[in-house]
Each structure stands twice: as structure tokens, then as C-alpha cells.
């Protein structure tokens, strides 16, 4: 498994992204209305999908931690938030690049853009909170609560283009786009998924190692309280 994560997964990621982007640039037709600039879709859309997926994983990990406290779920919450923020920021940047030639501006206080900006700010605040709280148990609980509150914005971002009048187009489907656009988008999305998994695995391992290092000293010290020893050991498990 370690060899696959170290060698196989990066190779798979590069192959899928390379194939998807080549198909999007050289094989898929240009959009009827936007022309060649539409080809940035094969980068922008998968980035946004994976950002939403990572943030949903953060929500699930936060709820799971509050139900059954474990450093593993806390580490997963931290890893998914960081990777989700990265992908979301890149998605926002590529969307602005796409918006300039199609809307005439890089930024508009459009419902989709505004709700996503709020989402990114909330996850930035989540990570800032984790850096400022030194006690690992308080940090995990407080950040889990913040993650759950922040996740309320996920469906708002997704449905904003349907609920309000928006410059941003409604989500496309295989029935509403040229069939030759579907394959490049799917291959690119699977490549971005592989990249998401790669980043999250490495960041999760780092976060879990940091949690174990933080609780190593209290565990190493002798104590007469068996409940305290059981508490530390169960969270690492």
C-alpha cells in the first residue's frame, strides 16, 4: 500500500490528468458560445468538485469526532480542510480567469461567487483556530463545532445558481453538453480525485503524527489514574 501511495498513485494522477487535459484541449470541440476559453472547464470544474468533496469529508470527520473521539478522525478533519481550502482557492482563481472573457470581469458579487468566498473564509478561520488553540483536546472539539457550522454553506454554494439569479451557469449534465466534452471532463475529474486522495493521505499522516507527538509526553509520564491512561490510548486507536 505504501509503495502504491508513493509511486503508483502519483503516476496514476499524472496519467489521468494528462489524458483528460489533452482530450479537453485537442479532442473536445470548443463551446458554441464561449469558444476556446471554455476549455478551462476541464481544470476548473474538477477542482470545484473535489473541493466540495474534501469539505464534506471534513464535516463527516468533525461529526464522527464528536460522537467518538479519536485522533485519527481529528487528523482526517484537519487534512481534508487544508486540501479542500487549497482546491477551493484554485477553483476560485480558475473561475476568475474564466469569468474575465465571458462576464467581462474577474469578480462579481454573484450568489455563487459570494457564497463560495464565504465558504473559503470559514475554512480559513477553521485552520487559524487550530493553530491558535494549543490544547489538543479543546482544539479538536472547538474546530469540529466550527467545521459543522461552516458545512451549512456547502448546499448553499451548490444550489445558489438555482435559488437566485446568477451570472454563473447552472450545473451541466451529460445531456446538456456535447458528448465529446463528457469524456475529457470525466477523465479530468478522476485525475483530480486521485490528486485529492494523494494530498489527503500525505497530509493525514503528518497530522496524525503531530497529534501522537502532542500526547506522547503525558502518556509517557507515570500516572495512578487508569481512566486517564485509557483515555489517551483510546484516542490514538
C-alpha atoms as a PDB file:
ATOM      1  CA  UNK A   1       0.000   0.000   0.000  1.00  0.00           C
ATOM      2  CA  UNK A   2       2.828   2.411   0.877  1.00  0.00           C
ATOM      3  CA  UNK A   3       4.509   1.731  -2.477  1.00  0.00           C
ATOM      4  CA  UNK A   4       1.259   2.438  -4.315  1.00  0.00           C
ATOM      5  CA  UNK A   5       0.792   5.751  -2.484  1.00  0.00           C
ATOM      6  CA  UNK A   6       4.419   6.675  -3.082  1.00  0.00           C
ATOM      7  CA  UNK A   7       4.750   5.626  -6.713  1.00  0.00           C
ATOM      8  CA  UNK A   8       1.523   4.232  -8.174  1.00  0.00           C
ATOM      9  CA  UNK A   9      -0.892   6.964  -7.102  1.00  0.00           C
ATOM     10  CA  UNK A  10       1.257   9.872  -8.369  1.00  0.00           C
ATOM     11  CA  UNK A  11       1.739   8.057 -11.690  1.00  0.00           C
ATOM     12  CA  UNK A  12      -1.999   7.399 -11.958  1.00  0.00           C
ATOM     13  CA  UNK A  13      -2.734  11.031 -11.140  1.00  0.00           C
ATOM     14  CA  UNK A  14      -0.380  12.351 -13.810  1.00  0.00           C
ATOM     15  CA  UNK A  15      -1.703   9.892 -16.397  1.00  0.00           C
ATOM     16  CA  UNK A  16      -5.356  10.739 -15.783  1.00  0.00           C
ATOM     17  CA  UNK A  17      -4.827  14.494 -15.624  1.00  0.00           C
ATOM     18  CA  UNK A  18      -2.586  14.434 -18.683  1.00  0.00           C
ATOM     19  CA  UNK A  19      -5.072  12.362 -20.664  1.00  0.00           C
ATOM     20  CA  UNK A  20      -8.075  14.402 -19.556  1.00  0.00           C
ATOM     21  CA  UNK A  21      -6.478  17.747 -20.306  1.00  0.00           C
ATOM     22  CA  UNK A  22      -5.132  16.565 -23.660  1.00  0.00           C
ATOM     23  CA  UNK A  23      -8.611  15.363 -24.623  1.00  0.00           C
ATOM     24  CA  UNK A  24     -10.052  18.671 -23.466  1.00  0.00           C
ATOM     25  CA  UNK A  25      -7.546  20.724 -25.457  1.00  0.00           C
ATOM     26  CA  UNK A  26      -7.101  18.662 -28.614  1.00  0.00           C
ATOM     27  CA  UNK A  27     -10.136  16.388 -28.983  1.00  0.00           C
ATOM     28  CA  UNK A  28     -13.201  18.070 -27.483  1.00  0.00           C
ATOM     29  CA  UNK A  29     -14.859  20.774 -29.587  1.00  0.00           C
ATOM     30  CA  UNK A  30     -14.945  24.427 -28.451  1.00  0.00           C
ATOM     31  CA  UNK A  31     -18.107  25.731 -26.859  1.00  0.00           C
ATOM     32  CA  UNK A  32     -20.638  27.180 -29.288  1.00  0.00           C
ATOM     33  CA  UNK A  33     -20.945  30.465 -27.368  1.00  0.00           C
ATOM     34  CA  UNK A  34     -17.714  30.837 -25.340  1.00  0.00           C
ATOM     35  CA  UNK A  35     -15.347  29.361 -27.882  1.00  0.00           C
ATOM     36  CA  UNK A  36     -11.862  28.185 -26.887  1.00  0.00           C
ATOM     37  CA  UNK A  37     -11.903  29.821 -23.448  1.00  0.00           C
ATOM     38  CA  UNK A  38     -14.414  27.192 -22.325  1.00  0.00           C
ATOM     39  CA  UNK A  39     -11.607  24.617 -22.259  1.00  0.00           C
ATOM     40  CA  UNK A  40     -10.580  25.842 -18.796  1.00  0.00           C
ATOM     41  CA  UNK A  41     -13.665  23.918 -17.653  1.00  0.00           C
ATOM     42  CA  UNK A  42     -11.588  20.728 -17.606  1.00  0.00           C
ATOM     43  CA  UNK A  43      -9.490  22.239 -14.802  1.00  0.00           C
ATOM     44  CA  UNK A  44     -11.984  24.493 -13.026  1.00  0.00           C
ATOM     45  CA  UNK A  45     -14.927  22.114 -12.653  1.00  0.00           C
ATOM     46  CA  UNK A  46     -12.946  19.110 -11.279  1.00  0.00           C
ATOM     47  CA  UNK A  47     -11.202  21.445  -8.820  1.00  0.00           C
ATOM     48  CA  UNK A  48     -14.562  22.661  -7.534  1.00  0.00           C
ATOM     49  CA  UNK A  49     -15.972  19.146  -7.292  1.00  0.00           C
ATOM     50  CA  UNK A  50     -13.003  17.909  -5.286  1.00  0.00           C
ATOM     51  CA  UNK A  51     -13.038  20.969  -3.022  1.00  0.00           C
ATOM     52  CA  UNK A  52     -16.666  20.267  -2.140  1.00  0.00           C
ATOM     53  CA  UNK A  53     -15.868  16.596  -1.573  1.00  0.00           C
ATOM     54  CA  UNK A  54     -12.945  17.385   0.761  1.00  0.00           C
ATOM     55  CA  UNK A  55     -15.069  19.842   2.744  1.00  0.00           C
ATOM     56  CA  UNK A  56     -17.833  17.258   3.060  1.00  0.00           C
ATOM     57  CA  UNK A  57     -15.252  14.768   4.360  1.00  0.00           C
ATOM     58  CA  UNK A  58     -14.227  17.433   6.881  1.00  0.00           C
ATOM     59  CA  UNK A  59     -17.854  17.672   8.017  1.00  0.00           C
ATOM     60  CA  UNK A  60     -18.179  13.892   8.374  1.00  0.00           C
ATOM     61  CA  UNK A  61     -14.893  13.676  10.298  1.00  0.00           C
ATOM     62  CA  UNK A  62     -15.981  16.502  12.617  1.00  0.00           C
ATOM     63  CA  UNK A  63     -19.298  14.825  13.426  1.00  0.00           C
ATOM     64  CA  UNK A  64     -17.553  11.484  13.901  1.00  0.00           C
ATOM     65  CA  UNK A  65     -15.032  13.026  16.297  1.00  0.00           C
ATOM     66  CA  UNK A  66     -17.762  14.499  18.484  1.00  0.00           C
ATOM     67  CA  UNK A  67     -19.534  11.122  18.581  1.00  0.00           C
ATOM     68  CA  UNK A  68     -16.426   9.031  19.178  1.00  0.00           C
ATOM     69  CA  UNK A  69     -13.292  10.989  19.984  1.00  0.00           C
ATOM     70  CA  UNK A  70     -10.246   9.721  18.134  1.00  0.00           C
ATOM     71  CA  UNK A  71      -7.075  11.440  16.992  1.00  0.00           C
ATOM     72  CA  UNK A  72      -7.465   9.689  13.655  1.00  0.00           C
ATOM     73  CA  UNK A  73     -10.752  11.432  12.861  1.00  0.00           C
ATOM     74  CA  UNK A  74      -9.334  14.730  14.109  1.00  0.00           C
ATOM     75  CA  UNK A  75      -6.326  14.287  11.808  1.00  0.00           C
ATOM     76  CA  UNK A  76      -8.646  13.468   8.913  1.00  0.00           C
ATOM     77  CA  UNK A  77     -10.678  16.599   9.624  1.00  0.00           C
ATOM     78  CA  UNK A  78      -7.560  18.769   9.562  1.00  0.00           C
ATOM     79  CA  UNK A  79      -6.207  17.143   6.400  1.00  0.00           C
ATOM     80  CA  UNK A  80      -9.479  17.422   4.486  1.00  0.00           C
ATOM     81  CA  UNK A  81      -9.946  21.066   5.492  1.00  0.00           C
ATOM     82  CA  UNK A  82      -6.478  22.049   4.276  1.00  0.00           C
ATOM     83  CA  UNK A  83      -6.783  20.170   0.994  1.00  0.00           C
ATOM     84  CA  UNK A  84     -10.336  21.410   0.469  1.00  0.00           C
ATOM     85  CA  UNK A  85      -9.230  25.002   1.014  1.00  0.00           C
ATOM     86  CA  UNK A  86      -6.382  24.537  -1.466  1.00  0.00           C
ATOM     87  CA  UNK A  87      -8.615  23.069  -4.161  1.00  0.00           C
ATOM     88  CA  UNK A  88     -11.337  25.628  -3.485  1.00  0.00           C
ATOM     89  CA  UNK A  89      -8.896  28.523  -3.782  1.00  0.00           C
ATOM     90  CA  UNK A  90      -7.518  27.169  -7.050  1.00  0.00           C
ATOM     91  CA  UNK A  91     -11.079  26.678  -8.255  1.00  0.00           C
ATOM     92  CA  UNK A  92     -11.872  30.299  -7.408  1.00  0.00           C
ATOM     93  CA  UNK A  93      -8.765  31.509  -9.279  1.00  0.00           C
ATOM     94  CA  UNK A  94      -9.504  29.455 -12.399  1.00  0.00           C
ATOM     95  CA  UNK A  95     -13.125  30.593 -12.249  1.00  0.00           C
ATOM     96  CA  UNK A  96     -11.993  34.229 -12.196  1.00  0.00           C
ATOM     97  CA  UNK A  97      -9.752  33.583 -15.190  1.00  0.00           C
ATOM     98  CA  UNK A  98     -12.716  32.030 -16.985  1.00  0.00           C
ATOM     99  CA  UNK A  99     -15.026  34.841 -15.910  1.00  0.00           C
ATOM    100  CA  UNK A 100     -12.916  37.689 -17.348  1.00  0.00           C
ATOM    101  CA  UNK A 101     -13.525  36.894 -21.063  1.00  0.00           C
ATOM    102  CA  UNK A 102     -17.074  35.573 -20.552  1.00  0.00           C
ATOM    103  CA  UNK A 103     -18.511  38.045 -17.998  1.00  0.00           C
ATOM    104  CA  UNK A 104     -16.138  40.948 -18.650  1.00  0.00           C
ATOM    105  CA  UNK A 105     -14.857  40.976 -15.033  1.00  0.00           C
ATOM    106  CA  UNK A 106     -12.667  38.782 -12.841  1.00  0.00           C
ATOM    107  CA  UNK A 107     -15.042  39.097  -9.901  1.00  0.00           C
ATOM    108  CA  UNK A 108     -18.703  39.819  -9.356  1.00  0.00           C
ATOM    109  CA  UNK A 109     -20.773  39.698  -6.179  1.00  0.00           C
ATOM    110  CA  UNK A 110     -22.705  36.880  -7.773  1.00  0.00           C
ATOM    111  CA  UNK A 111     -24.559  34.477  -5.416  1.00  0.00           C
ATOM    112  CA  UNK A 112     -22.308  31.553  -6.371  1.00  0.00           C
ATOM    113  CA  UNK A 113     -19.062  33.510  -6.047  1.00  0.00           C
ATOM    114  CA  UNK A 114     -20.112  35.258  -2.855  1.00  0.00           C
ATOM    115  CA  UNK A 115     -21.270  32.070  -1.109  1.00  0.00           C
ATOM    116  CA  UNK A 116     -18.084  30.282  -2.125  1.00  0.00           C
ATOM    117  CA  UNK A 117     -15.933  33.171  -0.897  1.00  0.00           C
ATOM    118  CA  UNK A 118     -17.710  32.936   2.471  1.00  0.00           C
ATOM    119  CA  UNK A 119     -17.059  29.179   2.447  1.00  0.00           C
ATOM    120  CA  UNK A 120     -13.339  29.662   1.853  1.00  0.00           C
ATOM    121  CA  UNK A 121     -13.134  32.310   4.569  1.00  0.00           C
ATOM    122  CA  UNK A 122     -14.872  29.988   7.036  1.00  0.00           C
ATOM    123  CA  UNK A 123     -12.403  27.171   6.352  1.00  0.00           C
ATOM    124  CA  UNK A 124      -9.519  29.610   6.652  1.00  0.00           C
ATOM    125  CA  UNK A 125     -10.906  30.538  10.064  1.00  0.00           C
ATOM    126  CA  UNK A 126     -11.160  26.841  10.926  1.00  0.00           C
ATOM    127  CA  UNK A 127      -7.453  26.339  10.217  1.00  0.00           C
ATOM    128  CA  UNK A 128      -6.496  29.533  12.050  1.00  0.00           C
ATOM    129  CA  UNK A 129      -8.406  28.277  15.101  1.00  0.00           C
ATOM    130  CA  UNK A 130      -6.455  25.046  15.013  1.00  0.00           C
ATOM    131  CA  UNK A 131      -3.177  26.969  15.020  1.00  0.00           C
ATOM    132  CA  UNK A 132      -4.105  29.198  17.965  1.00  0.00           C
ATOM    133  CA  UNK A 133      -5.504  26.573  20.365  1.00  0.00           C
ATOM    134  CA  UNK A 134      -2.633  24.705  21.998  1.00  0.00           C
ATOM    135  CA  UNK A 135      -4.582  22.113  23.978  1.00  0.00           C
ATOM    136  CA  UNK A 136      -5.183  19.232  21.514  1.00  0.00           C
ATOM    137  CA  UNK A 137      -8.494  18.110  23.040  1.00  0.00           C
ATOM    138  CA  UNK A 138     -10.004  21.608  23.139  1.00  0.00           C
ATOM    139  CA  UNK A 139      -8.668  22.268  19.640  1.00  0.00           C
ATOM    140  CA  UNK A 140     -10.288  19.132  18.268  1.00  0.00           C
ATOM    141  CA  UNK A 141     -13.679  19.823  19.869  1.00  0.00           C
ATOM    142  CA  UNK A 142     -13.826  23.528  19.055  1.00  0.00           C
ATOM    143  CA  UNK A 143     -12.680  23.032  15.467  1.00  0.00           C
ATOM    144  CA  UNK A 144     -15.199  20.205  14.989  1.00  0.00           C
ATOM    145  CA  UNK A 145     -18.008  22.567  16.006  1.00  0.00           C
ATOM    146  CA  UNK A 146     -16.697  25.250  13.627  1.00  0.00           C
ATOM    147  CA  UNK A 147     -16.471  22.670  10.814  1.00  0.00           C
ATOM    148  CA  UNK A 148     -20.088  21.625  11.303  1.00  0.00           C
ATOM    149  CA  UNK A 149     -21.273  25.240  11.265  1.00  0.00           C
ATOM    150  CA  UNK A 150     -19.164  26.001   8.184  1.00  0.00           C
ATOM    151  CA  UNK A 151     -20.560  22.993   6.328  1.00  0.00           C
ATOM    152  CA  UNK A 152     -24.001  24.628   6.333  1.00  0.00           C
ATOM    153  CA  UNK A 153     -22.704  26.702   3.431  1.00  0.00           C
ATOM    154  CA  UNK A 154     -21.937  23.670   1.245  1.00  0.00           C
ATOM    155  CA  UNK A 155     -25.503  23.155  -0.057  1.00  0.00           C
ATOM    156  CA  UNK A 156     -25.897  26.926  -0.373  1.00  0.00           C
ATOM    157  CA  UNK A 157     -22.889  27.067  -2.703  1.00  0.00           C
ATOM    158  CA  UNK A 158     -24.131  24.113  -4.737  1.00  0.00           C
ATOM    159  CA  UNK A 159     -27.754  25.295  -5.156  1.00  0.00           C
ATOM    160  CA  UNK A 160     -27.045  29.039  -5.327  1.00  0.00           C
ATOM    161  CA  UNK A 161     -27.246  29.063  -9.130  1.00  0.00           C
ATOM    162  CA  UNK A 162     -30.735  27.534  -8.932  1.00  0.00           C
ATOM    163  CA  UNK A 163     -32.076  29.525  -5.993  1.00  0.00           C
ATOM    164  CA  UNK A 164     -31.047  33.003  -7.179  1.00  0.00           C
ATOM    165  CA  UNK A 165     -30.461  34.799 -10.468  1.00  0.00           C
ATOM    166  CA  UNK A 166     -26.779  34.279 -11.153  1.00  0.00           C
ATOM    167  CA  UNK A 167     -24.168  35.076 -13.763  1.00  0.00           C
ATOM    168  CA  UNK A 168     -22.808  31.604 -13.113  1.00  0.00           C
ATOM    169  CA  UNK A 169     -24.407  28.965 -15.292  1.00  0.00           C
ATOM    170  CA  UNK A 170     -26.472  26.129 -13.821  1.00  0.00           C
ATOM    171  CA  UNK A 171     -24.619  22.835 -13.420  1.00  0.00           C
ATOM    172  CA  UNK A 172     -24.333  20.986 -16.721  1.00  0.00           C
ATOM    173  CA  UNK A 173     -25.030  17.290 -17.255  1.00  0.00           C
ATOM    174  CA  UNK A 174     -24.116  14.788 -19.979  1.00  0.00           C
ATOM    175  CA  UNK A 175     -27.497  15.559 -21.548  1.00  0.00           C
ATOM    176  CA  UNK A 176     -26.831  19.300 -21.847  1.00  0.00           C
ATOM    177  CA  UNK A 177     -23.281  19.320 -23.306  1.00  0.00           C
ATOM    178  CA  UNK A 178     -21.632  17.941 -26.417  1.00  0.00           C
ATOM    179  CA  UNK A 179     -20.899  14.198 -25.954  1.00  0.00           C
ATOM    180  CA  UNK A 180     -17.239  14.854 -26.801  1.00  0.00           C
ATOM    181  CA  UNK A 181     -16.980  17.114 -23.754  1.00  0.00           C
ATOM    182  CA  UNK A 182     -18.179  14.447 -21.343  1.00  0.00           C
ATOM    183  CA  UNK A 183     -15.199  12.078 -21.602  1.00  0.00           C
ATOM    184  CA  UNK A 184     -12.475  14.718 -21.074  1.00  0.00           C
ATOM    185  CA  UNK A 185     -14.370  16.120 -18.091  1.00  0.00           C
ATOM    186  CA  UNK A 186     -14.800  12.695 -16.507  1.00  0.00           C
ATOM    187  CA  UNK A 187     -11.168  11.694 -17.044  1.00  0.00           C
ATOM    188  CA  UNK A 188     -10.016  15.040 -15.631  1.00  0.00           C
ATOM    189  CA  UNK A 189     -12.336  14.609 -12.651  1.00  0.00           C
ATOM    190  CA  UNK A 190     -10.937  11.150 -11.879  1.00  0.00           C
ATOM    191  CA  UNK A 191      -7.427  12.571 -12.189  1.00  0.00           C
ATOM    192  CA  UNK A 192      -8.299  15.356  -9.759  1.00  0.00           C
ATOM    193  CA  UNK A 193      -9.843  12.769  -7.427  1.00  0.00           C
ATOM    194  CA  UNK A 194      -6.571  10.827  -7.473  1.00  0.00           C
ATOM    195  CA  UNK A 195      -4.713  14.058  -6.686  1.00  0.00           C
ATOM    196  CA  UNK A 196      -7.125  14.764  -3.836  1.00  0.00           C
ATOM    197  CA  UNK A 197      -6.539  11.307  -2.363  1.00  0.00           C
ATOM    198  CA  UNK A 198      -2.773  11.699  -2.744  1.00  0.00           C
ATOM    199  CA  UNK A 199      -2.715  15.034  -0.935  1.00  0.00           C
ATOM    200  CA  UNK A 200      -5.081  13.888   1.787  1.00  0.00           C
ATOM    201  CA  UNK A 201      -3.169  10.695   2.526  1.00  0.00           C
ATOM    202  CA  UNK A 202       0.101  12.573   2.973  1.00  0.00           C
ATOM    203  CA  UNK A 203      -1.485  15.397   4.982  1.00  0.00           C
ATOM    204  CA  UNK A 204      -3.396  12.910   7.158  1.00  0.00           C
ATOM    205  CA  UNK A 205      -0.208  11.066   8.034  1.00  0.00           C
ATOM    206  CA  UNK A 206       1.507  14.315   9.005  1.00  0.00           C
ATOM    207  CA  UNK A 207      -1.468  15.452  11.102  1.00  0.00           C
ATOM    208  CA  UNK A 208      -1.765  12.102  12.890  1.00  0.00           C
ATOM    209  CA  UNK A 209       1.960  12.085  13.663  1.00  0.00           C
ATOM    210  CA  UNK A 210       1.619  15.596  15.117  1.00  0.00           C
ATOM    211  CA  UNK A 211      -1.317  14.507  17.308  1.00  0.00           C
ATOM    212  CA  UNK A 212       0.578  11.493  18.607  1.00  0.00           C
ATOM    213  CA  UNK A 213       3.615  13.642  19.347  1.00  0.00           C
ATOM    214  CA  UNK A 214       1.459  16.103  21.286  1.00  0.00           C
ATOM    215  CA  UNK A 215       0.027  13.407  23.572  1.00  0.00           C
ATOM    216  CA  UNK A 216       3.222  11.347  23.807  1.00  0.00           C
ATOM    217  CA  UNK A 217       4.613  13.219  26.836  1.00  0.00           C
ATOM    218  CA  UNK A 218       1.515  12.857  29.040  1.00  0.00           C
ATOM    219  CA  UNK A 219       1.296   9.209  28.100  1.00  0.00           C
ATOM    220  CA  UNK A 220       4.950   8.618  28.885  1.00  0.00           C
ATOM    221  CA  UNK A 221       4.671  10.101  32.399  1.00  0.00           C
ATOM    222  CA  UNK A 222       3.626   7.691  35.144  1.00  0.00           C
ATOM    223  CA  UNK A 223       0.090   8.127  36.459  1.00  0.00           C
ATOM    224  CA  UNK A 224      -2.037   6.398  39.052  1.00  0.00           C
ATOM    225  CA  UNK A 225      -5.259   7.240  37.229  1.00  0.00           C
ATOM    226  CA  UNK A 226      -6.233   4.281  34.993  1.00  0.00           C
ATOM    227  CA  UNK A 227      -9.050   6.317  33.405  1.00  0.00           C
ATOM    228  CA  UNK A 228      -6.522   8.919  32.207  1.00  0.00           C
ATOM    229  CA  UNK A 229      -4.310   6.229  30.681  1.00  0.00           C
ATOM    230  CA  UNK A 230      -7.318   4.625  28.960  1.00  0.00           C
ATOM    231  CA  UNK A 231      -8.488   7.999  27.621  1.00  0.00           C
ATOM    232  CA  UNK A 232      -5.185   8.769  25.900  1.00  0.00           C
ATOM    233  CA  UNK A 233      -4.769   5.262  24.492  1.00  0.00           C
ATOM    234  CA  UNK A 234      -8.331   5.088  23.128  1.00  0.00           C
ATOM    235  CA  UNK A 235      -7.997   8.364  21.227  1.00  0.00           C
ATOM    236  CA  UNK A 236      -4.830   7.278  19.471  1.00  0.00           C
ATOM    237  CA  UNK A 237      -6.501   3.997  18.495  1.00  0.00           C
END
